[in-house]
Amino acid sequence: MINNSNIEYWLALKLIPRLAIHKKIMLVETYGLTELFASNGKSSVLTSANGLSVKQLHAFQHPDWEKITQIIAESAKCNSKVIGFDNAYYPQLLKQIYDPPLVLFVQGNISLLNAPQIAVVGSRSASAGGRETAFTLCQQLAQQNIVITSGLALGIDAAAHRGALSQPASTIAVVATGLDQVYPSRHLSLAQQIIASNGTIISEFLPGTQPRAGHFPKRNRLISGLSLGVLVVEAELKSGSLITARCALEQNRDVFAVPSSIENQQAKGCHWLIKQGAKLVEECADIIDEFAFEDKPSLHLKSNEQLLKATEHNILKGDNEIIQKGLCNDVLLASVGFEITPVDKVVSRSELPVEEVLTRLTMLELSGLVSAVPGGYIRTK
């Protein structure tokens, strides 16, 4: 039985505009969740002294309860549960990341969320060999009662899910849309199979949310954040999978990579990861054995401009030119100098929430307009 006694308040907190997640959590820790919202229209704990704008204070004092009720009803229509940050089923590993979602929408087996997981990612246009490798490794990991977590995308993601589905441990799909839809649509049957096989599909996005380019980097941080480590099976140097690997490093997760022929352009990203210290994986035991040791050396990847220009080709669907034109005039881009600019300086200059700054910096990276370097970011164009 899921205790949803506070879910309306978590949704109300989620809907507070332009306020970073870590600041919202800090307010809850300071004042208490329900105390942040006043039933009489007057907040007894929050003022502008808390660093909140007039619009944010109004959202705390006058939550849109009608919209919140509608969100819960729409979630029920698509057979999804809504769990808040304080729920016992909320993934404990996910709470460790910098910006954990306040609310998760979950279809299927909710008990998998706290099971041991390995994230598996790779190219959407993977080779037949790459797909076979992902399927076999995930099947073997599932036989060891490891849940396979991936993104329901084409290529490696789909092969990973299918490999896990043959075993009782099953699989988790983290998606970048609302749970009332499936993206890509051709994976509708795969999504149905995941639910039918005691698996799980989760999202941080409200029902009705359409796939957008900026949602996928946010989705990637959840794939790695849920997991003990990330396995990259096949990825080009310009690949969204390497963004997931970098998220894993920032979250202090292990990174694994499968090697391939030096002629395989789809494996260049994996080879680069291995050169930087990712553990080379030839068989399932290479992953299982890593977690048998409590004191593992941390993996630190070097900065590489090619990786920071990574792009998720199938997601953007030809919209790169439009996105880049918009980013060129972005206030965030103007906040990044040609010298090393720390993230807190970008936040200060742009006057945007940290969560939004991190997401938009990723989009600027995808367009090759900025590069991440030790100590912050530099402008490249």
Protein backbone atom coordinates (compact mmCIF):
# COMPACT_ATOMS: atom_id res chain seq x y z
CA MET A 1 0.00 0.00 0.00
CA ILE A 2 1.48 3.34 -1.05
CA ASN A 3 1.19 6.19 1.44
CA ASN A 4 0.26 9.21 -0.67
CA SER A 5 -0.85 11.44 2.19
CA ASN A 6 1.54 14.24 1.15
CA ILE A 7 1.49 13.81 -2.61
CA GLU A 8 -0.64 16.90 -3.22
CA TYR A 9 1.94 19.01 -1.40
CA TRP A 10 4.88 17.47 -3.30
CA LEU A 11 3.07 18.23 -6.56
CA ALA A 12 2.41 21.77 -5.36
CA LEU A 13 6.12 22.13 -4.60
CA LYS A 14 7.01 20.70 -8.01
CA LEU A 15 4.85 23.38 -9.64
CA ILE A 16 6.63 26.31 -7.93
CA PRO A 17 8.12 28.14 -10.95
CA ARG A 18 11.83 28.71 -11.60
CA LEU A 19 13.04 27.44 -8.23
CA ALA A 20 15.85 24.87 -8.23
CA ILE A 21 15.11 21.44 -6.82
CA HIS A 22 17.85 21.60 -4.19
CA LYS A 23 16.39 24.87 -2.90
CA LYS A 24 12.93 23.32 -2.68
CA ILE A 25 14.31 20.40 -0.69
CA MET A 26 16.18 22.82 1.58
CA LEU A 27 12.92 24.68 2.30
CA VAL A 28 11.21 21.40 3.18
CA GLU A 29 14.06 20.45 5.51
CA THR A 30 13.93 23.88 7.16
CA TYR A 31 10.19 24.42 7.55
CA GLY A 32 8.43 21.13 6.79
CA LEU A 33 6.48 20.26 3.64
CA THR A 34 2.92 21.12 4.65
CA GLU A 35 4.03 24.21 6.56
CA LEU A 36 5.26 25.76 3.31
CA PHE A 37 1.67 26.03 2.05
CA ALA A 38 -0.89 28.12 3.91
CA SER A 39 -4.58 27.13 3.82
CA ASN A 40 -5.67 30.67 4.70
CA GLY A 41 -3.80 32.33 1.86
CA LYS A 42 -1.12 33.79 4.12
CA SER A 43 2.23 32.10 4.53
CA SER A 44 3.50 32.07 8.10
CA VAL A 45 7.03 30.93 7.26
CA LEU A 46 7.99 32.21 3.80
CA THR A 47 8.81 35.78 2.84
CA SER A 48 10.97 37.50 0.25
CA ALA A 49 13.78 37.10 2.78
CA ASN A 50 13.91 33.44 1.73
CA GLY A 51 15.13 34.60 -1.68
CA LEU A 52 11.77 33.95 -3.32
CA SER A 53 10.24 36.12 -6.02
CA VAL A 54 6.74 37.57 -5.76
CA LYS A 55 5.52 34.95 -8.23
CA GLN A 56 7.06 32.13 -6.23
CA LEU A 57 5.60 33.40 -2.96
CA HIS A 58 2.19 33.60 -4.61
CA ALA A 59 2.53 29.99 -5.78
CA PHE A 60 3.26 28.90 -2.21
CA GLN A 61 0.37 30.92 -0.80
CA HIS A 62 -2.12 29.99 -3.49
CA PRO A 63 -1.35 26.49 -4.84
CA ASP A 64 -3.35 25.44 -7.88
CA TRP A 65 -5.12 22.56 -6.11
CA GLU A 66 -7.46 22.09 -9.07
CA LYS A 67 -4.52 21.45 -11.40
CA ILE A 68 -2.94 19.14 -8.84
CA THR A 69 -6.16 17.11 -8.58
CA GLN A 70 -6.22 16.92 -12.38
CA ILE A 71 -2.62 15.65 -12.50
CA ILE A 72 -3.45 12.86 -10.04
CA ALA A 73 -6.58 11.94 -12.04
CA GLU A 74 -4.68 11.89 -15.34
CA SER A 75 -2.01 9.69 -13.77
CA ALA A 76 -4.66 7.23 -12.62
CA LYS A 77 -6.05 7.11 -16.16
CA CYS A 78 -2.72 5.85 -17.50
CA ASN A 79 -2.34 3.38 -14.63
CA SER A 80 0.56 5.23 -13.03
CA LYS A 81 1.24 5.76 -9.36
CA VAL A 82 2.51 9.09 -8.06
CA ILE A 83 5.15 8.96 -5.32
CA GLY A 84 6.70 11.88 -3.51
CA PHE A 85 10.22 12.42 -2.27
CA ASP A 86 9.37 11.23 1.26
CA ASN A 87 7.62 8.05 0.14
CA ALA A 88 9.10 4.74 1.33
CA TYR A 89 9.16 3.50 -2.28
CA TYR A 90 11.16 6.48 -3.53
CA PRO A 91 14.58 5.21 -4.77
CA GLN A 92 17.16 5.80 -2.07
CA LEU A 93 20.05 6.01 -4.55
CA LEU A 94 18.23 8.72 -6.45
CA LYS A 95 18.06 10.84 -3.30
CA GLN A 96 21.87 11.03 -3.38
CA ILE A 97 22.08 13.01 -6.64
CA TYR A 98 22.26 16.81 -6.76
CA ASP A 99 18.79 17.37 -8.23
CA PRO A 100 16.49 14.39 -7.50
CA PRO A 101 12.92 14.77 -8.79
CA LEU A 102 10.41 15.70 -6.09
CA VAL A 103 7.78 13.46 -7.68
CA LEU A 104 8.00 10.27 -9.72
CA PHE A 105 5.26 8.82 -11.91
CA VAL A 106 5.49 5.04 -11.95
CA GLN A 107 3.81 2.34 -13.99
CA GLY A 108 4.19 -1.34 -13.12
CA ASN A 109 6.22 -2.93 -10.34
CA ILE A 110 7.08 -0.14 -7.90
CA SER A 111 9.19 -2.45 -5.71
CA LEU A 112 11.91 -2.51 -8.40
CA LEU A 113 12.83 1.11 -7.70
CA ASN A 114 15.06 0.18 -4.77
CA ALA A 115 16.40 -3.05 -6.26
CA PRO A 116 20.10 -3.25 -7.30
CA GLN A 117 20.32 -1.78 -10.81
CA ILE A 118 22.83 -1.43 -13.63
CA ALA A 119 22.11 1.19 -16.27
CA VAL A 120 22.79 0.15 -19.87
CA VAL A 121 23.00 2.76 -22.63
CA GLY A 122 24.35 3.05 -26.14
CA SER A 123 23.76 4.06 -29.72
CA ARG A 124 20.27 4.31 -31.18
CA SER A 125 21.70 3.17 -34.52
CA ALA A 126 23.64 0.30 -32.98
CA SER A 127 25.15 -2.49 -35.06
CA ALA A 128 23.68 -5.98 -34.98
CA GLY A 129 26.68 -7.10 -32.94
CA GLY A 130 26.21 -4.29 -30.46
CA ARG A 131 22.55 -5.18 -29.97
CA GLU A 132 23.42 -8.84 -29.48
CA THR A 133 26.09 -7.95 -26.91
CA ALA A 134 23.68 -5.73 -24.98
CA PHE A 135 21.01 -8.43 -25.03
CA THR A 136 23.38 -11.15 -23.78
CA LEU A 137 25.03 -9.07 -21.05
CA CYS A 138 21.68 -7.86 -19.74
CA GLN A 139 20.26 -11.35 -19.78
CA GLN A 140 23.24 -12.56 -17.73
CA LEU A 141 23.04 -9.62 -15.31
CA ALA A 142 19.33 -10.28 -14.80
CA GLN A 143 20.17 -13.89 -14.00
CA GLN A 144 22.23 -12.47 -11.11
CA ASN A 145 19.11 -10.60 -9.90
CA ILE A 146 20.36 -7.27 -11.21
CA VAL A 147 17.64 -5.00 -12.57
CA ILE A 148 18.48 -3.45 -15.95
CA THR A 149 17.70 0.26 -16.24
CA SER A 150 17.64 2.03 -19.59
CA GLY A 151 15.77 4.65 -21.59
CA LEU A 152 13.37 2.74 -23.91
CA ALA A 153 15.17 4.26 -26.92
CA LEU A 154 16.01 2.53 -30.18
CA GLY A 155 19.13 0.38 -30.52
CA ILE A 156 21.06 -0.56 -27.37
CA ASP A 157 18.32 0.56 -24.94
CA ALA A 158 15.74 -1.72 -26.53
CA ALA A 159 18.18 -4.66 -26.68
CA ALA A 160 19.01 -4.15 -23.00
CA HIS A 161 15.35 -4.18 -21.98
CA ARG A 162 14.66 -7.28 -24.06
CA GLY A 163 17.65 -9.12 -22.63
CA ALA A 164 16.42 -8.45 -19.10
CA LEU A 165 12.81 -9.37 -19.83
CA SER A 166 13.67 -13.06 -20.12
CA GLN A 167 14.59 -13.14 -16.41
CA PRO A 168 12.61 -12.57 -13.19
CA ALA A 169 14.69 -9.52 -12.18
CA SER A 170 13.10 -7.64 -15.09
CA THR A 171 13.82 -4.06 -16.16
CA ILE A 172 13.12 -0.35 -15.58
CA ALA A 173 12.53 2.10 -18.44
CA VAL A 174 13.11 5.78 -17.66
CA VAL A 175 11.32 7.96 -20.19
CA ALA A 176 11.38 11.64 -21.16
CA THR A 177 7.64 12.08 -21.69
CA GLY A 178 4.50 11.78 -19.65
CA LEU A 179 3.43 8.19 -18.96
CA ASP A 180 0.27 8.64 -21.03
CA GLN A 181 2.37 8.13 -24.15
CA VAL A 182 5.27 6.05 -25.47
CA TYR A 183 8.28 7.48 -27.29
CA PRO A 184 9.32 6.27 -29.76
CA SER A 185 5.85 5.06 -30.70
CA ARG A 186 7.25 1.91 -32.32
CA HIS A 187 8.19 0.74 -28.81
CA LEU A 188 4.58 0.58 -27.63
CA SER A 189 4.65 -3.22 -27.65
CA LEU A 190 7.99 -3.23 -25.78
CA ALA A 191 6.56 -0.89 -23.14
CA GLN A 192 3.54 -3.17 -22.77
CA GLN A 193 5.83 -6.19 -22.45
CA ILE A 194 7.83 -4.48 -19.71
CA ILE A 195 4.69 -3.90 -17.64
CA ALA A 196 3.35 -7.40 -18.36
CA SER A 197 6.67 -8.92 -17.25
CA ASN A 198 6.65 -7.26 -13.82
CA GLY A 199 8.89 -4.43 -14.97
CA THR A 200 8.59 -0.70 -14.40
CA ILE A 201 8.32 2.50 -16.44
CA ILE A 202 9.01 5.80 -14.68
CA SER A 203 9.09 9.50 -15.49
CA GLU A 204 9.49 12.80 -13.67
CA PHE A 205 7.34 14.55 -16.29
CA LEU A 206 3.64 15.30 -15.91
CA PRO A 207 1.07 13.39 -17.98
CA GLY A 208 0.68 15.04 -21.35
CA THR A 209 4.36 16.05 -21.61
CA GLN A 210 5.62 15.62 -25.17
CA PRO A 211 9.20 14.56 -26.08
CA ARG A 212 11.52 17.56 -26.30
CA ALA A 213 15.27 17.76 -26.80
CA GLY A 214 15.90 19.28 -23.37
CA HIS A 215 14.05 16.47 -21.59
CA PHE A 216 16.49 13.74 -22.59
CA PRO A 217 19.57 15.03 -20.72
CA LYS A 218 17.35 15.36 -17.64
CA ARG A 219 16.14 11.79 -18.21
CA ASN A 220 19.76 10.60 -18.47
CA ARG A 221 20.63 11.82 -14.96
CA LEU A 222 17.84 9.60 -13.59
CA ILE A 223 19.04 6.53 -15.52
CA SER A 224 22.47 6.85 -13.92
CA GLY A 225 21.16 8.10 -10.57
CA LEU A 226 19.00 5.02 -10.05
CA SER A 227 21.90 2.67 -10.72
CA LEU A 228 25.05 1.35 -9.08
CA GLY A 229 26.90 1.85 -12.36
CA VAL A 230 26.48 2.61 -16.06
CA LEU A 231 27.45 0.22 -18.85
CA VAL A 232 28.03 1.78 -22.28
CA VAL A 233 27.79 -0.92 -24.95
CA GLU A 234 28.21 0.98 -28.20
CA ALA A 235 28.52 4.75 -28.57
CA GLU A 236 30.05 7.24 -30.95
CA LEU A 237 32.19 10.11 -29.69
CA LYS A 238 29.28 12.42 -30.47
CA SER A 239 26.75 10.49 -28.45
CA GLY A 240 24.13 11.19 -25.82
CA SER A 241 25.27 7.98 -24.10
CA LEU A 242 28.46 9.74 -23.06
CA ILE A 243 26.34 12.41 -21.39
CA THR A 244 24.84 9.62 -19.27
CA ALA A 245 28.35 8.39 -18.48
CA ARG A 246 29.34 11.87 -17.36
CA CYS A 247 26.21 12.07 -15.19
CA ALA A 248 27.31 8.79 -13.61
CA LEU A 249 30.73 10.24 -12.78
CA GLU A 250 29.21 13.37 -11.27
CA GLN A 251 26.99 11.10 -9.14
CA ASN A 252 29.95 8.96 -8.04
CA ARG A 253 28.72 5.91 -9.96
CA ASP A 254 30.90 3.30 -11.68
CA VAL A 255 31.32 3.42 -15.46
CA PHE A 256 31.84 0.36 -17.66
CA ALA A 257 32.39 0.11 -21.42
CA VAL A 258 32.39 -2.70 -23.98
CA PRO A 259 35.27 -2.62 -26.52
CA SER A 260 34.89 -3.42 -30.20
CA SER A 261 36.86 -3.42 -33.44
CA ILE A 262 38.98 -0.32 -34.05
CA GLU A 263 37.14 -0.04 -37.38
CA ASN A 264 33.76 0.26 -35.65
CA GLN A 265 32.90 3.98 -35.53
CA GLN A 266 29.99 3.13 -33.24
CA ALA A 267 32.48 2.06 -30.56
CA LYS A 268 34.77 5.11 -30.55
CA GLY A 269 33.02 6.54 -27.51
CA CYS A 270 33.47 3.29 -25.59
CA HIS A 271 37.16 3.18 -26.46
CA TRP A 272 37.55 6.78 -25.30
CA LEU A 273 35.89 5.92 -21.98
CA ILE A 274 38.22 2.96 -21.49
CA LYS A 275 41.25 5.18 -22.18
CA GLN A 276 40.05 7.54 -19.46
CA GLY A 277 39.65 4.77 -16.88
CA ALA A 278 36.27 3.11 -17.41
CA LYS A 279 36.37 -0.61 -16.69
CA LEU A 280 36.60 -2.73 -19.83
CA VAL A 281 33.78 -5.29 -19.98
CA GLU A 282 34.00 -8.53 -21.92
CA GLU A 283 31.58 -10.57 -19.84
CA CYS A 284 29.02 -10.23 -17.09
CA ALA A 285 31.56 -11.17 -14.41
CA ASP A 286 33.56 -8.01 -15.16
CA ILE A 287 30.66 -6.00 -13.77
CA ILE A 288 29.61 -8.32 -10.94
CA ASP A 289 33.18 -8.62 -9.64
CA GLU A 290 33.55 -4.85 -9.42
CA PHE A 291 30.87 -4.65 -6.76
CA ALA A 292 32.53 -7.38 -4.69
CA PHE A 293 35.14 -4.82 -3.57
CA GLU A 294 34.17 -2.11 -1.11
CA ASP A 295 37.18 0.14 -1.77
CA LYS A 296 37.24 0.87 -5.48
CA PRO A 297 39.35 3.68 -6.95
CA SER A 298 37.18 6.49 -8.21
CA LEU A 299 36.97 6.99 -11.95
CA HIS A 300 37.74 10.51 -13.14
CA LEU A 301 37.35 11.29 -16.83
CA LYS A 302 39.40 13.98 -18.51
CA SER A 303 37.67 16.87 -20.23
CA ASN A 304 37.27 16.36 -23.99
CA GLU A 305 35.76 18.92 -26.34
CA GLN A 306 34.47 16.24 -28.72
CA LEU A 307 32.37 14.69 -25.96
CA LEU A 308 30.99 18.03 -24.89
CA LYS A 309 29.65 18.56 -28.42
CA ALA A 310 27.63 15.36 -28.07
CA THR A 311 24.21 15.27 -29.71
CA GLU A 312 21.28 12.89 -29.62
CA HIS A 313 20.61 12.76 -33.36
CA ASN A 314 17.31 10.87 -33.36
CA ILE A 315 15.87 13.05 -30.59
CA LEU A 316 16.60 16.38 -32.21
CA LYS A 317 15.08 15.18 -35.53
CA GLY A 318 16.54 17.88 -37.68
CA ASP A 319 15.79 20.70 -35.23
CA ASN A 320 19.47 21.43 -34.49
CA GLU A 321 19.51 24.58 -36.60
CA ILE A 322 16.43 25.98 -34.87
CA ILE A 323 17.78 25.10 -31.43
CA GLN A 324 21.18 26.65 -32.16
CA LYS A 325 19.63 29.91 -33.39
CA GLY A 326 17.65 30.14 -30.17
CA LEU A 327 20.67 29.34 -28.04
CA CYS A 328 22.81 31.99 -29.73
CA ASN A 329 20.61 34.66 -28.18
CA ASP A 330 20.29 32.83 -24.89
CA VAL A 331 20.93 34.89 -21.77
CA LEU A 332 22.76 31.88 -20.39
CA LEU A 333 25.29 31.89 -23.24
CA ALA A 334 26.02 35.54 -22.52
CA SER A 335 26.80 34.52 -18.93
CA VAL A 336 29.62 32.18 -20.00
CA GLY A 337 32.93 33.83 -20.80
CA PHE A 338 35.83 32.80 -23.01
CA GLU A 339 37.74 32.30 -19.75
CA ILE A 340 36.82 29.54 -17.27
CA THR A 341 33.47 30.49 -15.75
CA PRO A 342 32.33 28.57 -12.62
CA VAL A 343 28.73 27.34 -12.56
CA ASP A 344 27.87 29.53 -9.58
CA LYS A 345 29.09 32.55 -11.58
CA VAL A 346 26.82 31.53 -14.50
CA VAL A 347 23.91 31.25 -12.05
CA SER A 348 24.69 34.68 -10.60
CA ARG A 349 25.04 36.37 -13.98
CA SER A 350 21.99 34.78 -15.58
CA GLU A 351 19.77 35.02 -12.45
CA LEU A 352 18.32 31.63 -13.36
CA PRO A 353 17.69 28.65 -11.04
CA VAL A 354 20.59 26.21 -10.76
CA GLU A 355 18.47 23.35 -12.16
CA GLU A 356 17.64 25.36 -15.28
CA VAL A 357 21.23 26.52 -15.68
CA LEU A 358 22.55 22.95 -15.61
CA THR A 359 19.97 21.77 -18.16
CA ARG A 360 20.57 24.66 -20.52
CA LEU A 361 24.34 24.39 -20.23
CA THR A 362 23.94 20.81 -21.43
CA MET A 363 21.95 22.03 -24.43
CA LEU A 364 24.65 24.60 -25.18
CA GLU A 365 27.19 21.78 -25.06
CA LEU A 366 25.08 19.75 -27.47
CA SER A 367 25.25 22.63 -29.93
CA GLY A 368 28.99 23.09 -29.44
CA LEU A 369 28.66 26.61 -28.07
CA VAL A 370 30.30 25.94 -24.70
CA SER A 371 32.69 23.33 -23.32
CA ALA A 372 32.96 21.92 -19.82
CA VAL A 373 36.44 22.24 -18.32
CA PRO A 374 37.84 21.72 -14.81
CA GLY A 375 36.37 24.52 -12.71
CA GLY A 376 33.38 25.35 -14.91
CA TYR A 377 32.62 26.19 -18.55
CA ILE A 378 34.20 28.21 -21.37
CA ARG A 379 32.55 29.69 -24.43
CA THR A 380 33.72 28.18 -27.72
CA LYS A 381 31.93 30.38 -30.24
